[in-house]
């Protein structure tokens, strides 16, 4: 019985973490597409889309808030990517406007129904799911600087049909209760969490400099992220502010700063087939560690290498001028260590 209860708690916590992570990845993806780096753009786009389908396939039952946040994450992935592709001249504006128009119908209609009765959750129709799938598939060739008009027209046709469907059948349905009031951000966030958010800012800044090839600043901001991560943990314990929200926020920040940022740093250095595979493995291991960290309750030790060490090891290796050809092997090793059963005592 206890095992079943614990499993239910796990299934309730992981999806929200994954959804917020997808939102952050989408924002990062927007700027990478604008930078014109195809390899990193397509990698992050496919990864984010995969996490969306994975979440929808594994977690059939979601809370009201999670269903709405997941909806927003899906719409943001398609439309923000389309906007970026229009800005750099790879996608016609009218295609983006059709995608955006269909999704605005969903959001505006949902907002109206939500305003009328707060007990609403999002449940995509079958046609809505197919439309999302084809929108994502249609954007893949465009990100690779080619346009497949068969896929584009298929996505446009489905978007138009599903828009008509929305006039007769809403994707927002009534639920028995609402959990919106349980997640008021200002009541959840604590003083120590400010340093966690600073950690995220440092990680995002490191990604920005990696995209632009300013590797010295990448190293500096990765080290700063490590310091911020250390301080948030110390303060949370000292001020007795440790809680589930802070733990999940910290794991998300760490995955951005010490998972995504180092992976993009590696991508910016080399894009050989082996390197692409190794950076992909590294990032997936970081995501798996994120999931495992959130469901385990180890007070005095870590299971696997702490992801924060990536923010120390990778910069030191770069400063030591390790030949770039060895980076793929280093990243694979670090990925394996993160998901290993190795127990490391907390300092």
C-alpha atoms as a PDB file:
ATOM      1  CA  UNK A   1       0.000   0.000   0.000  1.00  0.00           C
ATOM      2  CA  UNK A   2       2.837   2.405   0.927  1.00  0.00           C
ATOM      3  CA  UNK A   3       4.587   1.598  -2.343  1.00  0.00           C
ATOM      4  CA  UNK A   4       1.428   2.478  -4.303  1.00  0.00           C
ATOM      5  CA  UNK A   5       1.049   5.789  -2.446  1.00  0.00           C
ATOM      6  CA  UNK A   6       4.692   6.657  -3.110  1.00  0.00           C
ATOM      7  CA  UNK A   7       4.283   5.811  -6.803  1.00  0.00           C
ATOM      8  CA  UNK A   8       1.220   8.070  -7.041  1.00  0.00           C
ATOM      9  CA  UNK A   9       3.187  10.933  -5.501  1.00  0.00           C
ATOM     10  CA  UNK A  10       6.018  10.368  -7.975  1.00  0.00           C
ATOM     11  CA  UNK A  11       3.640  10.475 -10.946  1.00  0.00           C
ATOM     12  CA  UNK A  12       2.135  13.712  -9.657  1.00  0.00           C
ATOM     13  CA  UNK A  13       5.465  15.479  -9.201  1.00  0.00           C
ATOM     14  CA  UNK A  14       7.531  14.541 -12.242  1.00  0.00           C
ATOM     15  CA  UNK A  15       5.179  15.833 -14.982  1.00  0.00           C
ATOM     16  CA  UNK A  16       5.116  19.397 -13.636  1.00  0.00           C
ATOM     17  CA  UNK A  17       8.899  19.440 -13.446  1.00  0.00           C
ATOM     18  CA  UNK A  18       9.176  18.187 -17.011  1.00  0.00           C
ATOM     19  CA  UNK A  19       6.622  20.734 -18.213  1.00  0.00           C
ATOM     20  CA  UNK A  20       8.431  23.709 -16.694  1.00  0.00           C
ATOM     21  CA  UNK A  21      11.688  22.340 -18.073  1.00  0.00           C
ATOM     22  CA  UNK A  22      10.072  22.257 -21.541  1.00  0.00           C
ATOM     23  CA  UNK A  23       9.068  25.900 -21.162  1.00  0.00           C
ATOM     24  CA  UNK A  24      12.648  26.879 -20.364  1.00  0.00           C
ATOM     25  CA  UNK A  25      14.008  24.811 -23.261  1.00  0.00           C
ATOM     26  CA  UNK A  26      11.568  26.522 -25.640  1.00  0.00           C
ATOM     27  CA  UNK A  27      12.760  29.973 -24.587  1.00  0.00           C
ATOM     28  CA  UNK A  28      16.379  28.895 -25.099  1.00  0.00           C
ATOM     29  CA  UNK A  29      15.462  27.367 -28.469  1.00  0.00           C
ATOM     30  CA  UNK A  30      13.958  30.662 -29.670  1.00  0.00           C
ATOM     31  CA  UNK A  31      17.273  32.500 -29.339  1.00  0.00           C
ATOM     32  CA  UNK A  32      19.300  29.619 -30.765  1.00  0.00           C
ATOM     33  CA  UNK A  33      17.109  29.533 -33.892  1.00  0.00           C
ATOM     34  CA  UNK A  34      17.648  33.288 -34.236  1.00  0.00           C
ATOM     35  CA  UNK A  35      21.408  32.692 -34.041  1.00  0.00           C
ATOM     36  CA  UNK A  36      21.185  30.420 -37.101  1.00  0.00           C
ATOM     37  CA  UNK A  37      22.967  27.429 -35.540  1.00  0.00           C
ATOM     38  CA  UNK A  38      21.086  24.570 -37.217  1.00  0.00           C
ATOM     39  CA  UNK A  39      22.614  21.617 -35.367  1.00  0.00           C
ATOM     40  CA  UNK A  40      21.840  22.926 -31.880  1.00  0.00           C
ATOM     41  CA  UNK A  41      18.434  24.249 -32.972  1.00  0.00           C
ATOM     42  CA  UNK A  42      17.209  20.942 -34.375  1.00  0.00           C
ATOM     43  CA  UNK A  43      18.613  19.051 -31.389  1.00  0.00           C
ATOM     44  CA  UNK A  44      16.760  21.208 -28.851  1.00  0.00           C
ATOM     45  CA  UNK A  45      13.569  21.303 -30.938  1.00  0.00           C
ATOM     46  CA  UNK A  46      13.403  17.505 -31.230  1.00  0.00           C
ATOM     47  CA  UNK A  47      14.348  17.071 -27.563  1.00  0.00           C
ATOM     48  CA  UNK A  48      11.611  19.452 -26.392  1.00  0.00           C
ATOM     49  CA  UNK A  49       9.027  17.828 -28.669  1.00  0.00           C
ATOM     50  CA  UNK A  50      10.076  14.383 -27.438  1.00  0.00           C
ATOM     51  CA  UNK A  51       9.621  15.456 -23.811  1.00  0.00           C
ATOM     52  CA  UNK A  52       6.144  16.712 -24.710  1.00  0.00           C
ATOM     53  CA  UNK A  53       5.085  13.409 -26.284  1.00  0.00           C
ATOM     54  CA  UNK A  54       6.795  11.441 -23.502  1.00  0.00           C
ATOM     55  CA  UNK A  55       4.929  13.372 -20.833  1.00  0.00           C
ATOM     56  CA  UNK A  56       1.607  12.944 -22.613  1.00  0.00           C
ATOM     57  CA  UNK A  57       2.166   9.220 -23.185  1.00  0.00           C
ATOM     58  CA  UNK A  58       3.405   8.288 -19.705  1.00  0.00           C
ATOM     59  CA  UNK A  59       1.312  10.590 -17.553  1.00  0.00           C
ATOM     60  CA  UNK A  60      -2.295  10.139 -18.628  1.00  0.00           C
ATOM     61  CA  UNK A  61      -3.716  11.745 -15.501  1.00  0.00           C
ATOM     62  CA  UNK A  62      -2.675  15.323 -14.824  1.00  0.00           C
ATOM     63  CA  UNK A  63      -3.914  17.924 -12.394  1.00  0.00           C
ATOM     64  CA  UNK A  64      -5.829  20.942 -13.612  1.00  0.00           C
ATOM     65  CA  UNK A  65      -2.845  23.289 -13.351  1.00  0.00           C
ATOM     66  CA  UNK A  66      -0.467  20.857 -15.040  1.00  0.00           C
ATOM     67  CA  UNK A  67      -2.826  20.322 -17.956  1.00  0.00           C
ATOM     68  CA  UNK A  68      -2.977  24.082 -18.581  1.00  0.00           C
ATOM     69  CA  UNK A  69       0.783  24.624 -18.204  1.00  0.00           C
ATOM     70  CA  UNK A  70       1.420  21.671 -20.532  1.00  0.00           C
ATOM     71  CA  UNK A  71      -0.951  23.207 -23.100  1.00  0.00           C
ATOM     72  CA  UNK A  72       0.940  26.500 -22.908  1.00  0.00           C
ATOM     73  CA  UNK A  73       4.292  24.696 -23.283  1.00  0.00           C
ATOM     74  CA  UNK A  74       3.111  22.879 -26.440  1.00  0.00           C
ATOM     75  CA  UNK A  75       1.699  26.034 -28.035  1.00  0.00           C
ATOM     76  CA  UNK A  76       4.810  28.010 -27.126  1.00  0.00           C
ATOM     77  CA  UNK A  77       7.106  25.418 -28.730  1.00  0.00           C
ATOM     78  CA  UNK A  78       5.325  25.564 -32.096  1.00  0.00           C
ATOM     79  CA  UNK A  79       4.562  29.270 -32.252  1.00  0.00           C
ATOM     80  CA  UNK A  80       7.763  30.670 -30.759  1.00  0.00           C
ATOM     81  CA  UNK A  81       9.802  28.460 -33.100  1.00  0.00           C
ATOM     82  CA  UNK A  82       7.663  29.600 -36.046  1.00  0.00           C
ATOM     83  CA  UNK A  83       8.128  33.261 -35.087  1.00  0.00           C
ATOM     84  CA  UNK A  84      11.910  32.802 -34.893  1.00  0.00           C
ATOM     85  CA  UNK A  85      11.929  31.089 -38.305  1.00  0.00           C
ATOM     86  CA  UNK A  86       9.929  33.982 -39.787  1.00  0.00           C
ATOM     87  CA  UNK A  87      12.359  36.522 -38.318  1.00  0.00           C
ATOM     88  CA  UNK A  88      15.372  34.835 -39.976  1.00  0.00           C
ATOM     89  CA  UNK A  89      13.469  34.449 -43.249  1.00  0.00           C
ATOM     90  CA  UNK A  90      13.041  30.666 -43.365  1.00  0.00           C
ATOM     91  CA  UNK A  91       9.250  30.464 -42.960  1.00  0.00           C
ATOM     92  CA  UNK A  92       6.567  32.559 -44.718  1.00  0.00           C
ATOM     93  CA  UNK A  93       4.768  34.906 -42.327  1.00  0.00           C
ATOM     94  CA  UNK A  94       1.317  33.698 -43.403  1.00  0.00           C
ATOM     95  CA  UNK A  95       2.131  30.123 -42.343  1.00  0.00           C
ATOM     96  CA  UNK A  96       3.133  31.319 -38.889  1.00  0.00           C
ATOM     97  CA  UNK A  97      -0.048  33.410 -38.632  1.00  0.00           C
ATOM     98  CA  UNK A  98      -2.234  30.381 -39.440  1.00  0.00           C
ATOM     99  CA  UNK A  99      -0.503  28.302 -36.737  1.00  0.00           C
ATOM    100  CA  UNK A 100      -0.742  31.191 -34.278  1.00  0.00           C
ATOM    101  CA  UNK A 101      -4.364  31.952 -35.160  1.00  0.00           C
ATOM    102  CA  UNK A 102      -5.493  28.393 -34.503  1.00  0.00           C
ATOM    103  CA  UNK A 103      -3.757  28.302 -31.123  1.00  0.00           C
ATOM    104  CA  UNK A 104      -5.052  31.731 -30.137  1.00  0.00           C
ATOM    105  CA  UNK A 105      -8.572  30.358 -30.627  1.00  0.00           C
ATOM    106  CA  UNK A 106      -7.748  27.650 -28.094  1.00  0.00           C
ATOM    107  CA  UNK A 107      -6.234  30.079 -25.592  1.00  0.00           C
ATOM    108  CA  UNK A 108      -8.888  32.798 -25.923  1.00  0.00           C
ATOM    109  CA  UNK A 109     -11.742  30.293 -25.790  1.00  0.00           C
ATOM    110  CA  UNK A 110     -10.119  28.573 -22.833  1.00  0.00           C
ATOM    111  CA  UNK A 111      -9.636  31.870 -21.002  1.00  0.00           C
ATOM    112  CA  UNK A 112     -13.322  32.732 -21.484  1.00  0.00           C
ATOM    113  CA  UNK A 113     -14.487  29.350 -20.184  1.00  0.00           C
ATOM    114  CA  UNK A 114     -11.979  29.532 -17.333  1.00  0.00           C
ATOM    115  CA  UNK A 115     -13.306  32.978 -16.425  1.00  0.00           C
ATOM    116  CA  UNK A 116     -16.866  31.613 -16.355  1.00  0.00           C
ATOM    117  CA  UNK A 117     -15.908  28.607 -14.216  1.00  0.00           C
ATOM    118  CA  UNK A 118     -12.446  28.123 -12.711  1.00  0.00           C
ATOM    119  CA  UNK A 119     -12.928  24.348 -12.577  1.00  0.00           C
ATOM    120  CA  UNK A 120     -11.584  23.818 -16.093  1.00  0.00           C
ATOM    121  CA  UNK A 121      -8.764  21.560 -17.254  1.00  0.00           C
ATOM    122  CA  UNK A 122      -7.320  21.086 -20.718  1.00  0.00           C
ATOM    123  CA  UNK A 123      -7.952  17.854 -22.616  1.00  0.00           C
ATOM    124  CA  UNK A 124      -6.789  17.946 -26.229  1.00  0.00           C
ATOM    125  CA  UNK A 125      -9.082  16.394 -28.821  1.00  0.00           C
ATOM    126  CA  UNK A 126      -7.722  13.681 -31.105  1.00  0.00           C
ATOM    127  CA  UNK A 127      -7.650  16.148 -33.995  1.00  0.00           C
ATOM    128  CA  UNK A 128      -5.851  18.670 -31.799  1.00  0.00           C
ATOM    129  CA  UNK A 129      -3.142  16.117 -31.000  1.00  0.00           C
ATOM    130  CA  UNK A 130      -2.707  15.215 -34.679  1.00  0.00           C
ATOM    131  CA  UNK A 131      -2.478  18.910 -35.577  1.00  0.00           C
ATOM    132  CA  UNK A 132       0.248  19.493 -32.986  1.00  0.00           C
ATOM    133  CA  UNK A 133       2.179  16.478 -34.279  1.00  0.00           C
ATOM    134  CA  UNK A 134       2.080  17.684 -37.893  1.00  0.00           C
ATOM    135  CA  UNK A 135       2.995  21.243 -36.900  1.00  0.00           C
ATOM    136  CA  UNK A 136       6.099  19.929 -35.161  1.00  0.00           C
ATOM    137  CA  UNK A 137       7.011  17.600 -38.037  1.00  0.00           C
ATOM    138  CA  UNK A 138       6.507  20.410 -40.577  1.00  0.00           C
ATOM    139  CA  UNK A 139       8.893  22.718 -38.714  1.00  0.00           C
ATOM    140  CA  UNK A 140      11.761  20.200 -38.583  1.00  0.00           C
ATOM    141  CA  UNK A 141      12.873  20.653 -42.248  1.00  0.00           C
ATOM    142  CA  UNK A 142      12.475  24.432 -41.910  1.00  0.00           C
ATOM    143  CA  UNK A 143      14.851  24.512 -38.942  1.00  0.00           C
ATOM    144  CA  UNK A 144      17.310  22.606 -41.160  1.00  0.00           C
ATOM    145  CA  UNK A 145      16.929  25.464 -43.691  1.00  0.00           C
ATOM    146  CA  UNK A 146      14.717  23.504 -46.072  1.00  0.00           C
ATOM    147  CA  UNK A 147      10.943  23.687 -46.451  1.00  0.00           C
ATOM    148  CA  UNK A 148       8.729  20.698 -47.222  1.00  0.00           C
ATOM    149  CA  UNK A 149       5.514  22.133 -48.646  1.00  0.00           C
ATOM    150  CA  UNK A 150       3.687  18.809 -48.409  1.00  0.00           C
ATOM    151  CA  UNK A 151       4.185  18.799 -44.633  1.00  0.00           C
ATOM    152  CA  UNK A 152       3.452  22.521 -44.366  1.00  0.00           C
ATOM    153  CA  UNK A 153       0.144  22.222 -46.256  1.00  0.00           C
ATOM    154  CA  UNK A 154      -0.817  19.135 -44.238  1.00  0.00           C
ATOM    155  CA  UNK A 155      -0.218  21.082 -41.014  1.00  0.00           C
ATOM    156  CA  UNK A 156      -2.142  24.095 -42.365  1.00  0.00           C
ATOM    157  CA  UNK A 157      -5.116  21.951 -43.421  1.00  0.00           C
ATOM    158  CA  UNK A 158      -5.257  20.211 -40.054  1.00  0.00           C
ATOM    159  CA  UNK A 159      -4.933  23.541 -38.232  1.00  0.00           C
ATOM    160  CA  UNK A 160      -7.876  24.925 -40.215  1.00  0.00           C
ATOM    161  CA  UNK A 161     -10.067  21.861 -39.613  1.00  0.00           C
ATOM    162  CA  UNK A 162      -9.238  21.752 -35.895  1.00  0.00           C
ATOM    163  CA  UNK A 163      -9.999  25.498 -35.654  1.00  0.00           C
ATOM    164  CA  UNK A 164     -13.480  24.780 -37.031  1.00  0.00           C
ATOM    165  CA  UNK A 165     -13.823  21.916 -34.548  1.00  0.00           C
ATOM    166  CA  UNK A 166     -13.079  24.337 -31.691  1.00  0.00           C
ATOM    167  CA  UNK A 167     -16.212  26.297 -32.599  1.00  0.00           C
ATOM    168  CA  UNK A 168     -18.312  23.256 -31.679  1.00  0.00           C
ATOM    169  CA  UNK A 169     -16.169  21.387 -29.158  1.00  0.00           C
ATOM    170  CA  UNK A 170     -13.945  23.034 -26.561  1.00  0.00           C
ATOM    171  CA  UNK A 171     -10.716  21.429 -25.373  1.00  0.00           C
ATOM    172  CA  UNK A 172     -11.368  22.817 -21.879  1.00  0.00           C
ATOM    173  CA  UNK A 173     -13.649  20.554 -19.862  1.00  0.00           C
ATOM    174  CA  UNK A 174     -15.128  20.846 -16.383  1.00  0.00           C
ATOM    175  CA  UNK A 175     -13.410  19.048 -13.535  1.00  0.00           C
ATOM    176  CA  UNK A 176     -14.703  18.298 -10.044  1.00  0.00           C
ATOM    177  CA  UNK A 177     -12.289  20.580  -8.205  1.00  0.00           C
ATOM    178  CA  UNK A 178      -9.616  23.175  -8.857  1.00  0.00           C
ATOM    179  CA  UNK A 179      -6.019  23.130  -7.626  1.00  0.00           C
ATOM    180  CA  UNK A 180      -5.063  26.554  -9.009  1.00  0.00           C
ATOM    181  CA  UNK A 181      -5.122  28.212  -5.587  1.00  0.00           C
ATOM    182  CA  UNK A 182      -2.619  25.675  -4.245  1.00  0.00           C
ATOM    183  CA  UNK A 183       0.128  27.103  -6.460  1.00  0.00           C
ATOM    184  CA  UNK A 184       0.295  30.816  -5.668  1.00  0.00           C
ATOM    185  CA  UNK A 185       3.914  31.557  -6.528  1.00  0.00           C
ATOM    186  CA  UNK A 186       4.513  34.245  -3.901  1.00  0.00           C
ATOM    187  CA  UNK A 187       3.408  31.932  -1.111  1.00  0.00           C
ATOM    188  CA  UNK A 188       5.722  29.170  -2.350  1.00  0.00           C
ATOM    189  CA  UNK A 189       8.940  31.061  -3.058  1.00  0.00           C
ATOM    190  CA  UNK A 190      11.374  31.684  -0.177  1.00  0.00           C
ATOM    191  CA  UNK A 191      14.440  33.898   0.252  1.00  0.00           C
ATOM    192  CA  UNK A 192      16.834  31.037  -0.545  1.00  0.00           C
ATOM    193  CA  UNK A 193      15.001  30.456  -3.836  1.00  0.00           C
ATOM    194  CA  UNK A 194      16.219  33.853  -5.055  1.00  0.00           C
ATOM    195  CA  UNK A 195      19.709  32.370  -5.346  1.00  0.00           C
ATOM    196  CA  UNK A 196      18.227  29.435  -7.247  1.00  0.00           C
ATOM    197  CA  UNK A 197      16.747  31.885  -9.758  1.00  0.00           C
ATOM    198  CA  UNK A 198      20.135  33.627  -9.958  1.00  0.00           C
ATOM    199  CA  UNK A 199      21.587  30.200 -10.773  1.00  0.00           C
ATOM    200  CA  UNK A 200      19.133  29.955 -13.701  1.00  0.00           C
ATOM    201  CA  UNK A 201      20.101  33.436 -14.908  1.00  0.00           C
ATOM    202  CA  UNK A 202      23.797  32.531 -14.833  1.00  0.00           C
ATOM    203  CA  UNK A 203      23.071  29.302 -16.731  1.00  0.00           C
ATOM    204  CA  UNK A 204      21.051  31.109 -19.400  1.00  0.00           C
ATOM    205  CA  UNK A 205      23.796  33.729 -19.704  1.00  0.00           C
ATOM    206  CA  UNK A 206      26.382  30.967 -20.199  1.00  0.00           C
ATOM    207  CA  UNK A 207      24.196  29.540 -22.986  1.00  0.00           C
ATOM    208  CA  UNK A 208      23.995  32.977 -24.629  1.00  0.00           C
ATOM    209  CA  UNK A 209      27.780  33.336 -24.635  1.00  0.00           C
ATOM    210  CA  UNK A 210      28.247  29.753 -25.895  1.00  0.00           C
ATOM    211  CA  UNK A 211      25.977  30.488 -28.859  1.00  0.00           C
ATOM    212  CA  UNK A 212      28.051  33.568 -29.676  1.00  0.00           C
ATOM    213  CA  UNK A 213      31.401  31.812 -29.218  1.00  0.00           C
ATOM    214  CA  UNK A 214      32.524  33.821 -26.156  1.00  0.00           C
ATOM    215  CA  UNK A 215      33.900  30.816 -24.305  1.00  0.00           C
ATOM    216  CA  UNK A 216      35.744  32.714 -21.568  1.00  0.00           C
ATOM    217  CA  UNK A 217      32.441  34.171 -20.375  1.00  0.00           C
ATOM    218  CA  UNK A 218      30.854  30.710 -20.566  1.00  0.00           C
ATOM    219  CA  UNK A 219      33.462  29.479 -18.090  1.00  0.00           C
ATOM    220  CA  UNK A 220      32.954  32.471 -15.796  1.00  0.00           C
ATOM    221  CA  UNK A 221      29.167  32.133 -15.663  1.00  0.00           C
ATOM    222  CA  UNK A 222      29.274  28.371 -15.146  1.00  0.00           C
ATOM    223  CA  UNK A 223      31.488  28.963 -12.102  1.00  0.00           C
ATOM    224  CA  UNK A 224      29.104  31.689 -10.890  1.00  0.00           C
ATOM    225  CA  UNK A 225      26.189  29.254 -11.284  1.00  0.00           C
ATOM    226  CA  UNK A 226      28.045  26.758  -9.079  1.00  0.00           C
ATOM    227  CA  UNK A 227      28.486  29.433  -6.398  1.00  0.00           C
ATOM    228  CA  UNK A 228      24.798  30.422  -6.570  1.00  0.00           C
ATOM    229  CA  UNK A 229      23.764  26.759  -6.335  1.00  0.00           C
ATOM    230  CA  UNK A 230      25.964  26.284  -3.273  1.00  0.00           C
ATOM    231  CA  UNK A 231      24.545  29.378  -1.574  1.00  0.00           C
ATOM    232  CA  UNK A 232      20.885  28.489  -2.127  1.00  0.00           C
ATOM    233  CA  UNK A 233      21.353  25.116  -0.451  1.00  0.00           C
ATOM    234  CA  UNK A 234      23.256  26.585   2.488  1.00  0.00           C
ATOM    235  CA  UNK A 235      20.682  29.324   3.021  1.00  0.00           C
ATOM    236  CA  UNK A 236      17.726  26.959   2.727  1.00  0.00           C
ATOM    237  CA  UNK A 237      19.157  24.759   5.477  1.00  0.00           C
ATOM    238  CA  UNK A 238      20.256  27.655   7.686  1.00  0.00           C
ATOM    239  CA  UNK A 239      16.927  29.496   7.406  1.00  0.00           C
ATOM    240  CA  UNK A 240      14.935  26.255   7.621  1.00  0.00           C
ATOM    241  CA  UNK A 241      13.345  26.944   4.228  1.00  0.00           C
ATOM    242  CA  UNK A 242      13.768  23.495   2.679  1.00  0.00           C
ATOM    243  CA  UNK A 243      10.557  22.361   0.966  1.00  0.00           C
ATOM    244  CA  UNK A 244       9.311  20.428  -2.069  1.00  0.00           C
ATOM    245  CA  UNK A 245       8.922  23.556  -4.213  1.00  0.00           C
ATOM    246  CA  UNK A 246      12.482  24.682  -3.469  1.00  0.00           C
ATOM    247  CA  UNK A 247      13.810  21.209  -4.224  1.00  0.00           C
ATOM    248  CA  UNK A 248      12.090  21.057  -7.614  1.00  0.00           C
ATOM    249  CA  UNK A 249      13.092  24.627  -8.476  1.00  0.00           C
ATOM    250  CA  UNK A 250      16.696  23.818  -7.576  1.00  0.00           C
ATOM    251  CA  UNK A 251      16.724  20.667  -9.710  1.00  0.00           C
ATOM    252  CA  UNK A 252      15.333  22.612 -12.681  1.00  0.00           C
ATOM    253  CA  UNK A 253      17.951  25.334 -12.236  1.00  0.00           C
ATOM    254  CA  UNK A 254      20.722  22.742 -12.038  1.00  0.00           C
ATOM    255  CA  UNK A 255      19.507  20.970 -15.173  1.00  0.00           C
ATOM    256  CA  UNK A 256      19.599  24.263 -17.101  1.00  0.00           C
ATOM    257  CA  UNK A 257      22.960  25.472 -15.737  1.00  0.00           C
ATOM    258  CA  UNK A 258      24.818  22.167 -15.511  1.00  0.00           C
ATOM    259  CA  UNK A 259      22.987  20.071 -18.102  1.00  0.00           C
ATOM    260  CA  UNK A 260      21.742  22.238 -20.969  1.00  0.00           C
ATOM    261  CA  UNK A 261      24.459  24.926 -20.765  1.00  0.00           C
ATOM    262  CA  UNK A 262      27.414  22.467 -20.858  1.00  0.00           C
ATOM    263  CA  UNK A 263      25.727  20.509 -23.680  1.00  0.00           C
ATOM    264  CA  UNK A 264      25.302  23.645 -25.807  1.00  0.00           C
ATOM    265  CA  UNK A 265      28.864  24.661 -24.929  1.00  0.00           C
ATOM    266  CA  UNK A 266      30.036  21.294 -26.249  1.00  0.00           C
ATOM    267  CA  UNK A 267      27.885  21.643 -29.386  1.00  0.00           C
ATOM    268  CA  UNK A 268      29.425  25.037 -30.074  1.00  0.00           C
ATOM    269  CA  UNK A 269      32.923  23.521 -29.917  1.00  0.00           C
ATOM    270  CA  UNK A 270      32.397  20.471 -32.126  1.00  0.00           C
ATOM    271  CA  UNK A 271      29.569  18.876 -34.130  1.00  0.00           C
ATOM    272  CA  UNK A 272      31.016  15.556 -35.268  1.00  0.00           C
ATOM    273  CA  UNK A 273      28.560  12.611 -35.315  1.00  0.00           C
ATOM    274  CA  UNK A 274      30.186  11.151 -32.184  1.00  0.00           C
ATOM    275  CA  UNK A 275      30.049  14.530 -30.440  1.00  0.00           C
ATOM    276  CA  UNK A 276      26.346  15.007 -31.215  1.00  0.00           C
ATOM    277  CA  UNK A 277      25.550  11.544 -29.844  1.00  0.00           C
ATOM    278  CA  UNK A 278      27.641  12.114 -26.710  1.00  0.00           C
ATOM    279  CA  UNK A 279      26.124  15.526 -25.949  1.00  0.00           C
ATOM    280  CA  UNK A 280      22.650  14.035 -26.450  1.00  0.00           C
ATOM    281  CA  UNK A 281      23.433  11.192 -24.038  1.00  0.00           C
ATOM    282  CA  UNK A 282      24.867  13.709 -21.572  1.00  0.00           C
ATOM    283  CA  UNK A 283      21.736  15.869 -21.625  1.00  0.00           C
ATOM    284  CA  UNK A 284      19.355  12.908 -21.363  1.00  0.00           C
ATOM    285  CA  UNK A 285      21.337  11.662 -18.371  1.00  0.00           C
ATOM    286  CA  UNK A 286      20.966  15.112 -16.826  1.00  0.00           C
ATOM    287  CA  UNK A 287      17.195  14.985 -17.358  1.00  0.00           C
ATOM    288  CA  UNK A 288      17.002  11.474 -15.894  1.00  0.00           C
ATOM    289  CA  UNK A 289      18.965  12.658 -12.900  1.00  0.00           C
ATOM    290  CA  UNK A 290      16.499  15.524 -12.529  1.00  0.00           C
ATOM    291  CA  UNK A 291      13.636  13.016 -12.383  1.00  0.00           C
ATOM    292  CA  UNK A 292      15.434  10.697  -9.971  1.00  0.00           C
ATOM    293  CA  UNK A 293      16.504  13.534  -7.686  1.00  0.00           C
ATOM    294  CA  UNK A 294      12.900  14.696  -7.309  1.00  0.00           C
ATOM    295  CA  UNK A 295      11.580  11.297  -6.236  1.00  0.00           C
ATOM    296  CA  UNK A 296      14.374  10.289  -3.867  1.00  0.00           C
ATOM    297  CA  UNK A 297      14.729  11.530  -0.321  1.00  0.00           C
ATOM    298  CA  UNK A 298      18.401  11.195   0.561  1.00  0.00           C
ATOM    299  CA  UNK A 299      19.377  13.550   3.366  1.00  0.00           C
ATOM    300  CA  UNK A 300      23.111  12.915   3.712  1.00  0.00           C
ATOM    301  CA  UNK A 301      24.232  11.705   0.287  1.00  0.00           C
ATOM    302  CA  UNK A 302      23.673  11.936  -3.470  1.00  0.00           C
ATOM    303  CA  UNK A 303      22.739   9.046  -5.743  1.00  0.00           C
ATOM    304  CA  UNK A 304      25.109   9.433  -8.670  1.00  0.00           C
ATOM    305  CA  UNK A 305      27.483  12.293  -9.341  1.00  0.00           C
ATOM    306  CA  UNK A 306      25.907  15.666  -8.458  1.00  0.00           C
ATOM    307  CA  UNK A 307      25.073  17.471 -11.693  1.00  0.00           C
ATOM    308  CA  UNK A 308      26.651  20.631 -10.237  1.00  0.00           C
ATOM    309  CA  UNK A 309      30.111  19.098 -10.719  1.00  0.00           C
ATOM    310  CA  UNK A 310      29.661  19.545 -14.479  1.00  0.00           C
ATOM    311  CA  UNK A 311      29.926  23.283 -13.816  1.00  0.00           C
ATOM    312  CA  UNK A 312      33.380  22.706 -12.348  1.00  0.00           C
ATOM    313  CA  UNK A 313      34.833  19.819 -14.356  1.00  0.00           C
ATOM    314  CA  UNK A 314      33.973  21.036 -17.874  1.00  0.00           C
ATOM    315  CA  UNK A 315      35.321  24.593 -17.377  1.00  0.00           C
ATOM    316  CA  UNK A 316      38.520  23.241 -15.786  1.00  0.00           C
ATOM    317  CA  UNK A 317      38.995  20.816 -18.670  1.00  0.00           C
ATOM    318  CA  UNK A 318      38.546  23.669 -21.151  1.00  0.00           C
ATOM    319  CA  UNK A 319      41.029  25.879 -19.269  1.00  0.00           C
ATOM    320  CA  UNK A 320      43.476  22.941 -19.203  1.00  0.00           C
ATOM    321  CA  UNK A 321      43.182  22.881 -23.035  1.00  0.00           C
ATOM    322  CA  UNK A 322      42.059  19.281 -23.388  1.00  0.00           C
ATOM    323  CA  UNK A 323      41.924  18.521 -27.141  1.00  0.00           C
ATOM    324  CA  UNK A 324      38.359  18.937 -28.426  1.00  0.00           C
ATOM    325  CA  UNK A 325      38.455  15.412 -29.895  1.00  0.00           C
ATOM    326  CA  UNK A 326      38.298  14.050 -26.325  1.00  0.00           C
ATOM    327  CA  UNK A 327      35.225  16.043 -25.289  1.00  0.00           C
ATOM    328  CA  UNK A 328      32.687  13.441 -26.517  1.00  0.00           C
ATOM    329  CA  UNK A 329      34.281  10.787 -24.289  1.00  0.00           C
ATOM    330  CA  UNK A 330      34.335  13.161 -21.317  1.00  0.00           C
ATOM    331  CA  UNK A 331      30.646  14.011 -21.733  1.00  0.00           C
ATOM    332  CA  UNK A 332      29.664  10.334 -22.002  1.00  0.00           C
ATOM    333  CA  UNK A 333      31.628   9.591 -18.818  1.00  0.00           C
ATOM    334  CA  UNK A 334      29.983  12.471 -16.947  1.00  0.00           C
ATOM    335  CA  UNK A 335      26.550  11.348 -18.151  1.00  0.00           C
ATOM    336  CA  UNK A 336      27.114   7.802 -16.907  1.00  0.00           C
ATOM    337  CA  UNK A 337      28.341   9.080 -13.536  1.00  0.00           C
ATOM    338  CA  UNK A 338      25.217  11.240 -13.122  1.00  0.00           C
ATOM    339  CA  UNK A 339      22.823   8.297 -13.500  1.00  0.00           C
ATOM    340  CA  UNK A 340      25.022   5.762 -11.723  1.00  0.00           C
ATOM    341  CA  UNK A 341      24.235   4.277  -8.307  1.00  0.00           C
ATOM    342  CA  UNK A 342      27.370   5.838  -6.874  1.00  0.00           C
ATOM    343  CA  UNK A 343      26.723   7.321  -3.423  1.00  0.00           C
ATOM    344  CA  UNK A 344      28.481  10.618  -2.724  1.00  0.00           C
ATOM    345  CA  UNK A 345      28.292  12.211   0.708  1.00  0.00           C
ATOM    346  CA  UNK A 346      26.940  15.753   0.883  1.00  0.00           C
ATOM    347  CA  UNK A 347      29.375  18.409   2.064  1.00  0.00           C
END
